[in-house]
């Protein structure tokens, strides 16, 4: 297909996909709100750095108000809380028979489907390590799971086509008929990552600290309880075993999964989560409401109490608003434990 893939959001996730596809000869047009970044990508080239691969690739990139025409394949790679605004901007550029693929964290497929229609919405789960370092620079810290599927289940020719495109980036990508299982699994792991961002410590250091294990396990258990109420059985990936946090699972199984996450995150050049970077480096709001807060809302619909998740949202907002510092003490405020 000669029509470019439109990537809306050229940050850590969208930028990496765009650079890999453009290098492979796939026509790509990226869109980003950071003018300096868009200019750098389109002129000097997007520089991919890190231990996985290092290269520079020129990728056409424009600001949202510079996009013209319509596109059949749109990759949405903005922060979760920017989904609604991004959809309003990109919808005029979505072909009548086109679709939007979310490569975001959270359950943004619901937001996209409400705006574009469920038949024009596709889901993906990504867990590779990447960071936006500055205009025209992205760190590729480690490979991780990449999964794609239709939100209603059955695989279509377009799903197969997108799967083959994603394999150009991640050879071990997975094509699934149960994308929600992976998205809910990432929500469980993601809640733990938000907790690690309560401290200045690395992800692996948080997971390796026995004193923090109970809170991390509790967060995973609350998310899995809500997933089960939603009729979803989350699937494992990269050290995270959802079954270990399901009601009735043993503490030993949960601790083993936490140890697996410590080991997985110890091997990446991306030492801290994107949440940490939002708070400590870029000094901006996180995705906590669109991810953890969304689970809290769904839990309330089922009458499920999720005190740790609710407290986590409060603590992240405390850091965002300057009421608390990132510290071990803030982490232990999750449970009220003494440091």
C-alpha atoms as a PDB file:
ATOM      1  CA  UNK A   1       0.000   0.000   0.000  1.00  0.00           C
ATOM      2  CA  UNK A   2       1.456   3.368  -1.052  1.00  0.00           C
ATOM      3  CA  UNK A   3      -0.657   5.439   1.338  1.00  0.00           C
ATOM      4  CA  UNK A   4       1.404   6.475   4.377  1.00  0.00           C
ATOM      5  CA  UNK A   5       0.693   5.128   7.824  1.00  0.00           C
ATOM      6  CA  UNK A   6      -0.316   8.150   9.899  1.00  0.00           C
ATOM      7  CA  UNK A   7       1.278   8.077  13.364  1.00  0.00           C
ATOM      8  CA  UNK A   8      -0.393  10.585  15.702  1.00  0.00           C
ATOM      9  CA  UNK A   9       2.166  11.195  18.429  1.00  0.00           C
ATOM     10  CA  UNK A  10       5.876  10.812  17.617  1.00  0.00           C
ATOM     11  CA  UNK A  11       7.157  10.273  21.144  1.00  0.00           C
ATOM     12  CA  UNK A  12       8.762   7.170  22.616  1.00  0.00           C
ATOM     13  CA  UNK A  13       6.309   4.658  21.139  1.00  0.00           C
ATOM     14  CA  UNK A  14       5.103   6.359  17.968  1.00  0.00           C
ATOM     15  CA  UNK A  15       8.532   7.708  17.109  1.00  0.00           C
ATOM     16  CA  UNK A  16      10.199   4.302  17.355  1.00  0.00           C
ATOM     17  CA  UNK A  17       7.556   2.676  15.173  1.00  0.00           C
ATOM     18  CA  UNK A  18       7.874   5.474  12.651  1.00  0.00           C
ATOM     19  CA  UNK A  19      11.666   5.252  12.507  1.00  0.00           C
ATOM     20  CA  UNK A  20      11.678   1.459  12.065  1.00  0.00           C
ATOM     21  CA  UNK A  21       8.960   1.512   9.411  1.00  0.00           C
ATOM     22  CA  UNK A  22      10.525   4.368   7.473  1.00  0.00           C
ATOM     23  CA  UNK A  23      13.890   2.585   7.535  1.00  0.00           C
ATOM     24  CA  UNK A  24      12.171  -0.514   6.126  1.00  0.00           C
ATOM     25  CA  UNK A  25      10.683   1.522   3.270  1.00  0.00           C
ATOM     26  CA  UNK A  26       7.132   1.797   4.629  1.00  0.00           C
ATOM     27  CA  UNK A  27       5.593   5.218   3.824  1.00  0.00           C
ATOM     28  CA  UNK A  28       5.026   7.042   7.122  1.00  0.00           C
ATOM     29  CA  UNK A  29       3.781  10.454   8.200  1.00  0.00           C
ATOM     30  CA  UNK A  30       4.194  11.326  11.871  1.00  0.00           C
ATOM     31  CA  UNK A  31       2.353  14.086  13.742  1.00  0.00           C
ATOM     32  CA  UNK A  32       3.579  15.751  16.919  1.00  0.00           C
ATOM     33  CA  UNK A  33       2.685  18.848  18.910  1.00  0.00           C
ATOM     34  CA  UNK A  34       6.346  19.618  19.745  1.00  0.00           C
ATOM     35  CA  UNK A  35       7.459  21.752  16.804  1.00  0.00           C
ATOM     36  CA  UNK A  36      11.207  21.274  17.394  1.00  0.00           C
ATOM     37  CA  UNK A  37      10.773  17.511  17.502  1.00  0.00           C
ATOM     38  CA  UNK A  38       8.701  17.430  14.313  1.00  0.00           C
ATOM     39  CA  UNK A  39      11.294  19.552  12.502  1.00  0.00           C
ATOM     40  CA  UNK A  40      14.208  17.431  13.700  1.00  0.00           C
ATOM     41  CA  UNK A  41      12.540  14.173  12.621  1.00  0.00           C
ATOM     42  CA  UNK A  42      11.756  15.522   9.157  1.00  0.00           C
ATOM     43  CA  UNK A  43      15.108  17.204   8.486  1.00  0.00           C
ATOM     44  CA  UNK A  44      18.099  15.881  10.420  1.00  0.00           C
ATOM     45  CA  UNK A  45      16.305  12.636  11.210  1.00  0.00           C
ATOM     46  CA  UNK A  46      15.063  10.857  14.317  1.00  0.00           C
ATOM     47  CA  UNK A  47      18.003   9.427  16.249  1.00  0.00           C
ATOM     48  CA  UNK A  48      17.306   6.089  17.918  1.00  0.00           C
ATOM     49  CA  UNK A  49      19.748   5.482  20.776  1.00  0.00           C
ATOM     50  CA  UNK A  50      20.440   2.662  23.205  1.00  0.00           C
ATOM     51  CA  UNK A  51      21.556  -0.944  23.392  1.00  0.00           C
ATOM     52  CA  UNK A  52      18.884  -2.492  21.168  1.00  0.00           C
ATOM     53  CA  UNK A  53      19.642  -0.549  17.992  1.00  0.00           C
ATOM     54  CA  UNK A  54      21.202   2.819  17.204  1.00  0.00           C
ATOM     55  CA  UNK A  55      20.523   4.664  13.948  1.00  0.00           C
ATOM     56  CA  UNK A  56      19.238   7.924  12.519  1.00  0.00           C
ATOM     57  CA  UNK A  57      16.250   7.981  10.161  1.00  0.00           C
ATOM     58  CA  UNK A  58      14.547  10.874   8.437  1.00  0.00           C
ATOM     59  CA  UNK A  59      10.783  10.528   8.969  1.00  0.00           C
ATOM     60  CA  UNK A  60       8.251  13.034   7.606  1.00  0.00           C
ATOM     61  CA  UNK A  61       6.684  14.729  10.635  1.00  0.00           C
ATOM     62  CA  UNK A  62       4.308  17.688  10.922  1.00  0.00           C
ATOM     63  CA  UNK A  63       2.279  19.503  13.541  1.00  0.00           C
ATOM     64  CA  UNK A  64      -1.439  18.649  13.872  1.00  0.00           C
ATOM     65  CA  UNK A  65      -2.614  21.746  12.020  1.00  0.00           C
ATOM     66  CA  UNK A  66      -0.397  20.855   9.065  1.00  0.00           C
ATOM     67  CA  UNK A  67      -1.995  17.480   8.296  1.00  0.00           C
ATOM     68  CA  UNK A  68      -3.933  17.226   5.044  1.00  0.00           C
ATOM     69  CA  UNK A  69      -5.834  14.400   3.364  1.00  0.00           C
ATOM     70  CA  UNK A  70      -7.270  11.167   4.751  1.00  0.00           C
ATOM     71  CA  UNK A  71      -5.597   7.955   5.855  1.00  0.00           C
ATOM     72  CA  UNK A  72      -6.737   4.366   6.172  1.00  0.00           C
ATOM     73  CA  UNK A  73      -4.283   3.407   8.916  1.00  0.00           C
ATOM     74  CA  UNK A  74      -3.858   5.724  11.891  1.00  0.00           C
ATOM     75  CA  UNK A  75      -1.628   4.815  14.845  1.00  0.00           C
ATOM     76  CA  UNK A  76      -2.577   6.700  18.006  1.00  0.00           C
ATOM     77  CA  UNK A  77       0.449   7.093  20.287  1.00  0.00           C
ATOM     78  CA  UNK A  78      -0.359  10.068  22.508  1.00  0.00           C
ATOM     79  CA  UNK A  79      -0.578   9.973  26.299  1.00  0.00           C
ATOM     80  CA  UNK A  80      -3.798   8.352  27.512  1.00  0.00           C
ATOM     81  CA  UNK A  81      -5.258  11.579  28.891  1.00  0.00           C
ATOM     82  CA  UNK A  82      -4.743  13.211  25.477  1.00  0.00           C
ATOM     83  CA  UNK A  83      -6.811  10.629  23.617  1.00  0.00           C
ATOM     84  CA  UNK A  84     -10.065  12.556  23.391  1.00  0.00           C
ATOM     85  CA  UNK A  85      -8.426  15.748  22.108  1.00  0.00           C
ATOM     86  CA  UNK A  86      -6.277  13.804  19.649  1.00  0.00           C
ATOM     87  CA  UNK A  87      -9.319  11.987  18.292  1.00  0.00           C
ATOM     88  CA  UNK A  88     -11.086  15.290  17.663  1.00  0.00           C
ATOM     89  CA  UNK A  89      -8.070  16.460  15.654  1.00  0.00           C
ATOM     90  CA  UNK A  90      -7.465  13.286  13.663  1.00  0.00           C
ATOM     91  CA  UNK A  91     -11.032  12.198  12.856  1.00  0.00           C
ATOM     92  CA  UNK A  92     -11.298  14.504   9.809  1.00  0.00           C
ATOM     93  CA  UNK A  93      -8.225  12.687   8.453  1.00  0.00           C
ATOM     94  CA  UNK A  94      -9.532   9.144   9.012  1.00  0.00           C
ATOM     95  CA  UNK A  95     -10.805   7.503   5.825  1.00  0.00           C
ATOM     96  CA  UNK A  96     -14.397   6.178   5.942  1.00  0.00           C
ATOM     97  CA  UNK A  97     -13.090   2.609   5.721  1.00  0.00           C
ATOM     98  CA  UNK A  98     -10.000   3.301   7.838  1.00  0.00           C
ATOM     99  CA  UNK A  99      -9.182   2.456  11.438  1.00  0.00           C
ATOM    100  CA  UNK A 100      -7.320   3.789  14.460  1.00  0.00           C
ATOM    101  CA  UNK A 101      -4.868   1.500  16.260  1.00  0.00           C
ATOM    102  CA  UNK A 102      -4.112   2.455  19.857  1.00  0.00           C
ATOM    103  CA  UNK A 103      -0.544   1.695  20.962  1.00  0.00           C
ATOM    104  CA  UNK A 104      -1.134   3.478  24.268  1.00  0.00           C
ATOM    105  CA  UNK A 105      -1.336   2.339  27.858  1.00  0.00           C
ATOM    106  CA  UNK A 106      -4.772   1.904  29.403  1.00  0.00           C
ATOM    107  CA  UNK A 107      -8.198   1.174  27.950  1.00  0.00           C
ATOM    108  CA  UNK A 108      -8.194   3.964  25.375  1.00  0.00           C
ATOM    109  CA  UNK A 109      -9.849   1.721  22.811  1.00  0.00           C
ATOM    110  CA  UNK A 110     -13.142   2.559  24.549  1.00  0.00           C
ATOM    111  CA  UNK A 111     -12.546   6.292  24.024  1.00  0.00           C
ATOM    112  CA  UNK A 112     -11.523   5.764  20.394  1.00  0.00           C
ATOM    113  CA  UNK A 113     -14.552   3.569  19.687  1.00  0.00           C
ATOM    114  CA  UNK A 114     -16.913   6.175  21.077  1.00  0.00           C
ATOM    115  CA  UNK A 115     -15.408   8.790  18.770  1.00  0.00           C
ATOM    116  CA  UNK A 116     -14.755   6.798  15.586  1.00  0.00           C
ATOM    117  CA  UNK A 117     -16.950   3.716  15.980  1.00  0.00           C
ATOM    118  CA  UNK A 118     -16.012   0.263  17.242  1.00  0.00           C
ATOM    119  CA  UNK A 119     -15.636  -1.010  13.679  1.00  0.00           C
ATOM    120  CA  UNK A 120     -12.860   1.548  13.106  1.00  0.00           C
ATOM    121  CA  UNK A 121     -10.941   0.731  16.298  1.00  0.00           C
ATOM    122  CA  UNK A 122      -8.080  -1.747  16.786  1.00  0.00           C
ATOM    123  CA  UNK A 123      -6.105  -2.468  19.949  1.00  0.00           C
ATOM    124  CA  UNK A 124      -2.469  -3.132  20.730  1.00  0.00           C
ATOM    125  CA  UNK A 125      -0.406  -3.883  23.807  1.00  0.00           C
ATOM    126  CA  UNK A 126       3.236  -2.781  23.940  1.00  0.00           C
ATOM    127  CA  UNK A 127       5.799  -3.293  26.690  1.00  0.00           C
ATOM    128  CA  UNK A 128       9.131  -2.357  25.131  1.00  0.00           C
ATOM    129  CA  UNK A 129      11.268   0.182  26.959  1.00  0.00           C
ATOM    130  CA  UNK A 130      11.590   3.603  25.355  1.00  0.00           C
ATOM    131  CA  UNK A 131      11.977   7.252  26.394  1.00  0.00           C
ATOM    132  CA  UNK A 132      11.706  10.557  24.563  1.00  0.00           C
ATOM    133  CA  UNK A 133      15.031  12.243  25.320  1.00  0.00           C
ATOM    134  CA  UNK A 134      14.520  15.496  23.450  1.00  0.00           C
ATOM    135  CA  UNK A 135      13.804  16.829  19.955  1.00  0.00           C
ATOM    136  CA  UNK A 136      14.805  14.161  17.454  1.00  0.00           C
ATOM    137  CA  UNK A 137      16.087  11.711  20.104  1.00  0.00           C
ATOM    138  CA  UNK A 138      14.499   8.517  21.466  1.00  0.00           C
ATOM    139  CA  UNK A 139      16.035   5.875  23.731  1.00  0.00           C
ATOM    140  CA  UNK A 140      15.266   2.259  22.822  1.00  0.00           C
ATOM    141  CA  UNK A 141      16.096   0.638  26.140  1.00  0.00           C
ATOM    142  CA  UNK A 142      14.880  -2.921  25.704  1.00  0.00           C
ATOM    143  CA  UNK A 143      12.637  -5.145  23.683  1.00  0.00           C
ATOM    144  CA  UNK A 144       9.336  -6.278  25.187  1.00  0.00           C
ATOM    145  CA  UNK A 145       5.977  -7.768  24.309  1.00  0.00           C
ATOM    146  CA  UNK A 146       4.045  -6.359  21.333  1.00  0.00           C
ATOM    147  CA  UNK A 147       0.528  -7.707  20.722  1.00  0.00           C
ATOM    148  CA  UNK A 148      -2.202  -6.611  18.285  1.00  0.00           C
ATOM    149  CA  UNK A 149      -5.853  -7.608  17.905  1.00  0.00           C
ATOM    150  CA  UNK A 150      -9.366  -6.439  17.105  1.00  0.00           C
ATOM    151  CA  UNK A 151     -11.430  -5.196  20.023  1.00  0.00           C
ATOM    152  CA  UNK A 152     -14.268  -7.533  19.039  1.00  0.00           C
ATOM    153  CA  UNK A 153     -11.969 -10.560  18.714  1.00  0.00           C
ATOM    154  CA  UNK A 154     -11.926 -12.086  15.217  1.00  0.00           C
ATOM    155  CA  UNK A 155      -8.832 -11.469  13.100  1.00  0.00           C
ATOM    156  CA  UNK A 156      -9.423  -9.683   9.777  1.00  0.00           C
ATOM    157  CA  UNK A 157      -7.152  -9.059   6.776  1.00  0.00           C
ATOM    158  CA  UNK A 158      -6.396  -5.589   8.169  1.00  0.00           C
ATOM    159  CA  UNK A 159      -5.359  -7.132  11.500  1.00  0.00           C
ATOM    160  CA  UNK A 160      -3.003  -9.495   9.713  1.00  0.00           C
ATOM    161  CA  UNK A 161      -1.560  -6.591   7.733  1.00  0.00           C
ATOM    162  CA  UNK A 162      -0.921  -4.555  10.878  1.00  0.00           C
ATOM    163  CA  UNK A 163       0.595  -7.596  12.578  1.00  0.00           C
ATOM    164  CA  UNK A 164       3.070  -7.935   9.703  1.00  0.00           C
ATOM    165  CA  UNK A 165       3.953  -4.254   9.997  1.00  0.00           C
ATOM    166  CA  UNK A 166       4.566  -4.630  13.740  1.00  0.00           C
ATOM    167  CA  UNK A 167       6.807  -7.629  13.069  1.00  0.00           C
ATOM    168  CA  UNK A 168       9.151  -5.259  11.227  1.00  0.00           C
ATOM    169  CA  UNK A 169       9.675  -3.588  14.586  1.00  0.00           C
ATOM    170  CA  UNK A 170       9.323  -6.584  16.915  1.00  0.00           C
ATOM    171  CA  UNK A 171       9.914  -9.976  15.240  1.00  0.00           C
ATOM    172  CA  UNK A 172       8.256 -11.769  18.170  1.00  0.00           C
ATOM    173  CA  UNK A 173       5.041  -9.724  17.972  1.00  0.00           C
ATOM    174  CA  UNK A 174       1.828 -11.642  18.718  1.00  0.00           C
ATOM    175  CA  UNK A 175      -1.498 -11.635  16.838  1.00  0.00           C
ATOM    176  CA  UNK A 176      -4.390 -12.298  19.231  1.00  0.00           C
ATOM    177  CA  UNK A 177      -8.154 -12.680  19.319  1.00  0.00           C
ATOM    178  CA  UNK A 178      -8.173 -11.538  22.969  1.00  0.00           C
ATOM    179  CA  UNK A 179      -6.480  -8.136  23.093  1.00  0.00           C
ATOM    180  CA  UNK A 180      -8.371  -7.174  26.271  1.00  0.00           C
ATOM    181  CA  UNK A 181      -6.543  -9.931  28.160  1.00  0.00           C
ATOM    182  CA  UNK A 182      -3.238  -8.208  27.430  1.00  0.00           C
ATOM    183  CA  UNK A 183      -4.543  -4.701  28.057  1.00  0.00           C
ATOM    184  CA  UNK A 184      -5.848  -5.670  31.498  1.00  0.00           C
ATOM    185  CA  UNK A 185      -2.597  -7.469  32.246  1.00  0.00           C
ATOM    186  CA  UNK A 186      -0.730  -4.248  31.479  1.00  0.00           C
ATOM    187  CA  UNK A 187      -3.076  -2.369  33.820  1.00  0.00           C
ATOM    188  CA  UNK A 188      -2.024  -4.651  36.670  1.00  0.00           C
ATOM    189  CA  UNK A 189       1.656  -4.189  35.917  1.00  0.00           C
ATOM    190  CA  UNK A 190       1.076  -0.508  35.185  1.00  0.00           C
ATOM    191  CA  UNK A 191      -0.405   0.113  38.638  1.00  0.00           C
ATOM    192  CA  UNK A 192       2.820  -1.246  40.109  1.00  0.00           C
ATOM    193  CA  UNK A 193       4.871   1.031  37.847  1.00  0.00           C
ATOM    194  CA  UNK A 194       2.926   4.038  39.109  1.00  0.00           C
ATOM    195  CA  UNK A 195       3.862   2.934  42.624  1.00  0.00           C
ATOM    196  CA  UNK A 196       7.553   2.739  41.685  1.00  0.00           C
ATOM    197  CA  UNK A 197       7.287   6.370  40.508  1.00  0.00           C
ATOM    198  CA  UNK A 198       6.421   7.424  44.049  1.00  0.00           C
ATOM    199  CA  UNK A 199      10.155   7.068  44.725  1.00  0.00           C
ATOM    200  CA  UNK A 200      13.333   8.196  42.908  1.00  0.00           C
ATOM    201  CA  UNK A 201      14.507   4.569  42.801  1.00  0.00           C
ATOM    202  CA  UNK A 202      14.699   2.492  39.630  1.00  0.00           C
ATOM    203  CA  UNK A 203      11.925   0.103  38.665  1.00  0.00           C
ATOM    204  CA  UNK A 204      14.087  -2.932  39.452  1.00  0.00           C
ATOM    205  CA  UNK A 205      15.104  -1.523  42.858  1.00  0.00           C
ATOM    206  CA  UNK A 206      11.461  -1.064  43.795  1.00  0.00           C
ATOM    207  CA  UNK A 207      10.523  -4.583  42.735  1.00  0.00           C
ATOM    208  CA  UNK A 208      13.573  -6.059  44.502  1.00  0.00           C
ATOM    209  CA  UNK A 209      12.823  -4.432  47.894  1.00  0.00           C
ATOM    210  CA  UNK A 210      10.969  -6.936  50.122  1.00  0.00           C
ATOM    211  CA  UNK A 211       9.541  -4.068  52.189  1.00  0.00           C
ATOM    212  CA  UNK A 212       7.638  -2.807  49.153  1.00  0.00           C
ATOM    213  CA  UNK A 213       6.385  -6.199  48.025  1.00  0.00           C
ATOM    214  CA  UNK A 214       3.135  -6.231  50.001  1.00  0.00           C
ATOM    215  CA  UNK A 215       1.936  -2.943  48.488  1.00  0.00           C
ATOM    216  CA  UNK A 216       2.921  -3.970  44.949  1.00  0.00           C
ATOM    217  CA  UNK A 217       1.186  -7.316  45.353  1.00  0.00           C
ATOM    218  CA  UNK A 218      -1.895  -5.614  46.782  1.00  0.00           C
ATOM    219  CA  UNK A 219      -2.132  -3.308  43.763  1.00  0.00           C
ATOM    220  CA  UNK A 220      -1.869  -6.250  41.378  1.00  0.00           C
ATOM    221  CA  UNK A 221      -4.559  -8.135  43.263  1.00  0.00           C
ATOM    222  CA  UNK A 222      -6.977  -5.206  43.172  1.00  0.00           C
ATOM    223  CA  UNK A 223      -6.608  -4.805  39.388  1.00  0.00           C
ATOM    224  CA  UNK A 224      -7.007  -8.529  38.775  1.00  0.00           C
ATOM    225  CA  UNK A 225     -10.176  -8.589  40.893  1.00  0.00           C
ATOM    226  CA  UNK A 226     -11.674  -5.876  38.697  1.00  0.00           C
ATOM    227  CA  UNK A 227     -10.528  -7.635  35.521  1.00  0.00           C
ATOM    228  CA  UNK A 228     -12.284 -10.811  36.643  1.00  0.00           C
ATOM    229  CA  UNK A 229     -15.462  -8.825  37.322  1.00  0.00           C
ATOM    230  CA  UNK A 230     -15.198  -7.523  33.750  1.00  0.00           C
ATOM    231  CA  UNK A 231     -15.059 -11.101  32.476  1.00  0.00           C
ATOM    232  CA  UNK A 232     -11.410 -10.837  31.393  1.00  0.00           C
ATOM    233  CA  UNK A 233      -8.641 -13.347  32.109  1.00  0.00           C
ATOM    234  CA  UNK A 234      -5.395 -11.362  31.731  1.00  0.00           C
ATOM    235  CA  UNK A 235      -2.414 -13.012  30.078  1.00  0.00           C
ATOM    236  CA  UNK A 236       1.222 -13.086  31.255  1.00  0.00           C
ATOM    237  CA  UNK A 237       4.130 -11.168  29.720  1.00  0.00           C
ATOM    238  CA  UNK A 238       7.740 -10.203  30.550  1.00  0.00           C
ATOM    239  CA  UNK A 239       7.735 -11.517  34.124  1.00  0.00           C
ATOM    240  CA  UNK A 240       4.209 -10.406  35.043  1.00  0.00           C
ATOM    241  CA  UNK A 241       1.948 -13.396  35.797  1.00  0.00           C
ATOM    242  CA  UNK A 242      -1.655 -12.207  36.286  1.00  0.00           C
ATOM    243  CA  UNK A 243      -2.687 -15.590  37.690  1.00  0.00           C
ATOM    244  CA  UNK A 244      -0.377 -14.990  40.644  1.00  0.00           C
ATOM    245  CA  UNK A 245      -2.537 -12.024  41.704  1.00  0.00           C
ATOM    246  CA  UNK A 246      -5.954 -13.563  41.173  1.00  0.00           C
ATOM    247  CA  UNK A 247      -8.184 -14.299  44.194  1.00  0.00           C
ATOM    248  CA  UNK A 248      -7.010 -17.517  45.805  1.00  0.00           C
ATOM    249  CA  UNK A 249      -3.453 -17.356  44.457  1.00  0.00           C
ATOM    250  CA  UNK A 250      -0.703 -17.861  47.010  1.00  0.00           C
ATOM    251  CA  UNK A 251       1.568 -15.173  48.397  1.00  0.00           C
ATOM    252  CA  UNK A 252       4.524 -17.219  47.142  1.00  0.00           C
ATOM    253  CA  UNK A 253       3.250 -17.066  43.557  1.00  0.00           C
ATOM    254  CA  UNK A 254       2.821 -13.301  43.802  1.00  0.00           C
ATOM    255  CA  UNK A 255       6.320 -12.853  45.237  1.00  0.00           C
ATOM    256  CA  UNK A 256       7.730 -14.996  42.430  1.00  0.00           C
ATOM    257  CA  UNK A 257       6.095 -12.745  39.833  1.00  0.00           C
ATOM    258  CA  UNK A 258       7.445  -9.629  41.584  1.00  0.00           C
ATOM    259  CA  UNK A 259      10.909 -11.204  41.454  1.00  0.00           C
ATOM    260  CA  UNK A 260      10.392 -11.844  37.748  1.00  0.00           C
ATOM    261  CA  UNK A 261       9.591  -8.159  37.220  1.00  0.00           C
ATOM    262  CA  UNK A 262      12.707  -7.158  39.149  1.00  0.00           C
ATOM    263  CA  UNK A 263      14.802  -9.405  36.891  1.00  0.00           C
ATOM    264  CA  UNK A 264      13.169  -8.156  33.668  1.00  0.00           C
ATOM    265  CA  UNK A 265      13.625  -4.492  34.575  1.00  0.00           C
ATOM    266  CA  UNK A 266      17.217  -5.020  35.716  1.00  0.00           C
ATOM    267  CA  UNK A 267      18.241  -5.722  32.103  1.00  0.00           C
ATOM    268  CA  UNK A 268      16.978  -2.538  30.460  1.00  0.00           C
ATOM    269  CA  UNK A 269      18.727   0.756  29.713  1.00  0.00           C
ATOM    270  CA  UNK A 270      15.388   2.369  30.635  1.00  0.00           C
ATOM    271  CA  UNK A 271      15.876   2.290  34.388  1.00  0.00           C
ATOM    272  CA  UNK A 272      12.792   4.321  35.367  1.00  0.00           C
ATOM    273  CA  UNK A 273       9.233   4.332  34.099  1.00  0.00           C
ATOM    274  CA  UNK A 274       7.758   6.960  31.826  1.00  0.00           C
ATOM    275  CA  UNK A 275       5.650   7.972  34.818  1.00  0.00           C
ATOM    276  CA  UNK A 276       8.802   8.816  36.753  1.00  0.00           C
ATOM    277  CA  UNK A 277      10.058  10.901  33.820  1.00  0.00           C
ATOM    278  CA  UNK A 278       6.761  12.775  33.643  1.00  0.00           C
ATOM    279  CA  UNK A 279       7.072  13.671  37.327  1.00  0.00           C
ATOM    280  CA  UNK A 280      10.808  14.167  37.808  1.00  0.00           C
ATOM    281  CA  UNK A 281      12.124  15.192  34.390  1.00  0.00           C
ATOM    282  CA  UNK A 282       9.361  16.660  32.249  1.00  0.00           C
ATOM    283  CA  UNK A 283       7.419  18.094  35.211  1.00  0.00           C
ATOM    284  CA  UNK A 284       3.996  17.362  33.742  1.00  0.00           C
ATOM    285  CA  UNK A 285       0.800  15.534  34.587  1.00  0.00           C
ATOM    286  CA  UNK A 286       0.865  11.745  34.377  1.00  0.00           C
ATOM    287  CA  UNK A 287      -1.640   9.279  32.953  1.00  0.00           C
ATOM    288  CA  UNK A 288      -2.766   8.214  36.436  1.00  0.00           C
ATOM    289  CA  UNK A 289      -6.411   9.229  35.996  1.00  0.00           C
ATOM    290  CA  UNK A 290      -6.716   7.617  32.569  1.00  0.00           C
ATOM    291  CA  UNK A 291      -5.098   4.377  33.753  1.00  0.00           C
ATOM    292  CA  UNK A 292      -5.337   3.729  37.484  1.00  0.00           C
ATOM    293  CA  UNK A 293      -8.279   6.095  37.916  1.00  0.00           C
ATOM    294  CA  UNK A 294     -10.160   4.308  35.146  1.00  0.00           C
ATOM    295  CA  UNK A 295      -9.795   0.996  37.013  1.00  0.00           C
ATOM    296  CA  UNK A 296     -11.054   2.668  40.206  1.00  0.00           C
ATOM    297  CA  UNK A 297     -14.158   3.849  38.329  1.00  0.00           C
ATOM    298  CA  UNK A 298     -14.832   0.414  36.840  1.00  0.00           C
ATOM    299  CA  UNK A 299     -14.356  -1.155  40.284  1.00  0.00           C
ATOM    300  CA  UNK A 300     -17.010   1.192  41.693  1.00  0.00           C
ATOM    301  CA  UNK A 301     -19.440   0.057  38.994  1.00  0.00           C
ATOM    302  CA  UNK A 302     -18.990  -3.507  40.246  1.00  0.00           C
ATOM    303  CA  UNK A 303     -19.149  -2.531  43.920  1.00  0.00           C
ATOM    304  CA  UNK A 304     -15.513  -3.566  44.437  1.00  0.00           C
ATOM    305  CA  UNK A 305     -13.369  -1.771  47.023  1.00  0.00           C
ATOM    306  CA  UNK A 306      -9.878  -0.849  45.742  1.00  0.00           C
ATOM    307  CA  UNK A 307      -8.295   1.205  48.545  1.00  0.00           C
ATOM    308  CA  UNK A 308      -4.699   0.843  47.349  1.00  0.00           C
ATOM    309  CA  UNK A 309      -5.492   1.945  43.800  1.00  0.00           C
ATOM    310  CA  UNK A 310      -7.507   4.893  45.107  1.00  0.00           C
ATOM    311  CA  UNK A 311      -4.672   5.890  47.426  1.00  0.00           C
ATOM    312  CA  UNK A 312      -2.167   5.564  44.583  1.00  0.00           C
ATOM    313  CA  UNK A 313      -4.109   8.089  42.504  1.00  0.00           C
ATOM    314  CA  UNK A 314      -4.105  10.502  45.444  1.00  0.00           C
ATOM    315  CA  UNK A 315      -0.353  10.161  46.024  1.00  0.00           C
ATOM    316  CA  UNK A 316       0.541  10.693  42.377  1.00  0.00           C
ATOM    317  CA  UNK A 317      -1.579  13.848  42.385  1.00  0.00           C
ATOM    318  CA  UNK A 318       0.177  14.953  45.574  1.00  0.00           C
ATOM    319  CA  UNK A 319       3.524  14.739  43.769  1.00  0.00           C
ATOM    320  CA  UNK A 320       2.160  16.434  40.651  1.00  0.00           C
ATOM    321  CA  UNK A 321       0.836  19.322  42.741  1.00  0.00           C
ATOM    322  CA  UNK A 322       3.940  19.685  44.922  1.00  0.00           C
ATOM    323  CA  UNK A 323       2.375  18.454  48.167  1.00  0.00           C
ATOM    324  CA  UNK A 324       4.745  15.484  48.453  1.00  0.00           C
ATOM    325  CA  UNK A 325       8.235  14.587  47.303  1.00  0.00           C
ATOM    326  CA  UNK A 326       9.141  11.405  45.475  1.00  0.00           C
ATOM    327  CA  UNK A 327      10.488   9.274  48.324  1.00  0.00           C
ATOM    328  CA  UNK A 328      10.364   5.902  50.026  1.00  0.00           C
ATOM    329  CA  UNK A 329       8.176   7.530  52.668  1.00  0.00           C
ATOM    330  CA  UNK A 330       5.664   8.501  49.981  1.00  0.00           C
ATOM    331  CA  UNK A 331       5.658   4.919  48.711  1.00  0.00           C
ATOM    332  CA  UNK A 332       4.872   3.592  52.176  1.00  0.00           C
ATOM    333  CA  UNK A 333       2.035   6.120  52.490  1.00  0.00           C
ATOM    334  CA  UNK A 334       0.203   3.682  50.214  1.00  0.00           C
ATOM    335  CA  UNK A 335      -0.304   1.356  53.138  1.00  0.00           C
ATOM    336  CA  UNK A 336       0.498   3.616  56.085  1.00  0.00           C
ATOM    337  CA  UNK A 337       3.543   1.513  56.925  1.00  0.00           C
ATOM    338  CA  UNK A 338       6.359   3.082  58.931  1.00  0.00           C
ATOM    339  CA  UNK A 339       9.661   3.554  57.080  1.00  0.00           C
END
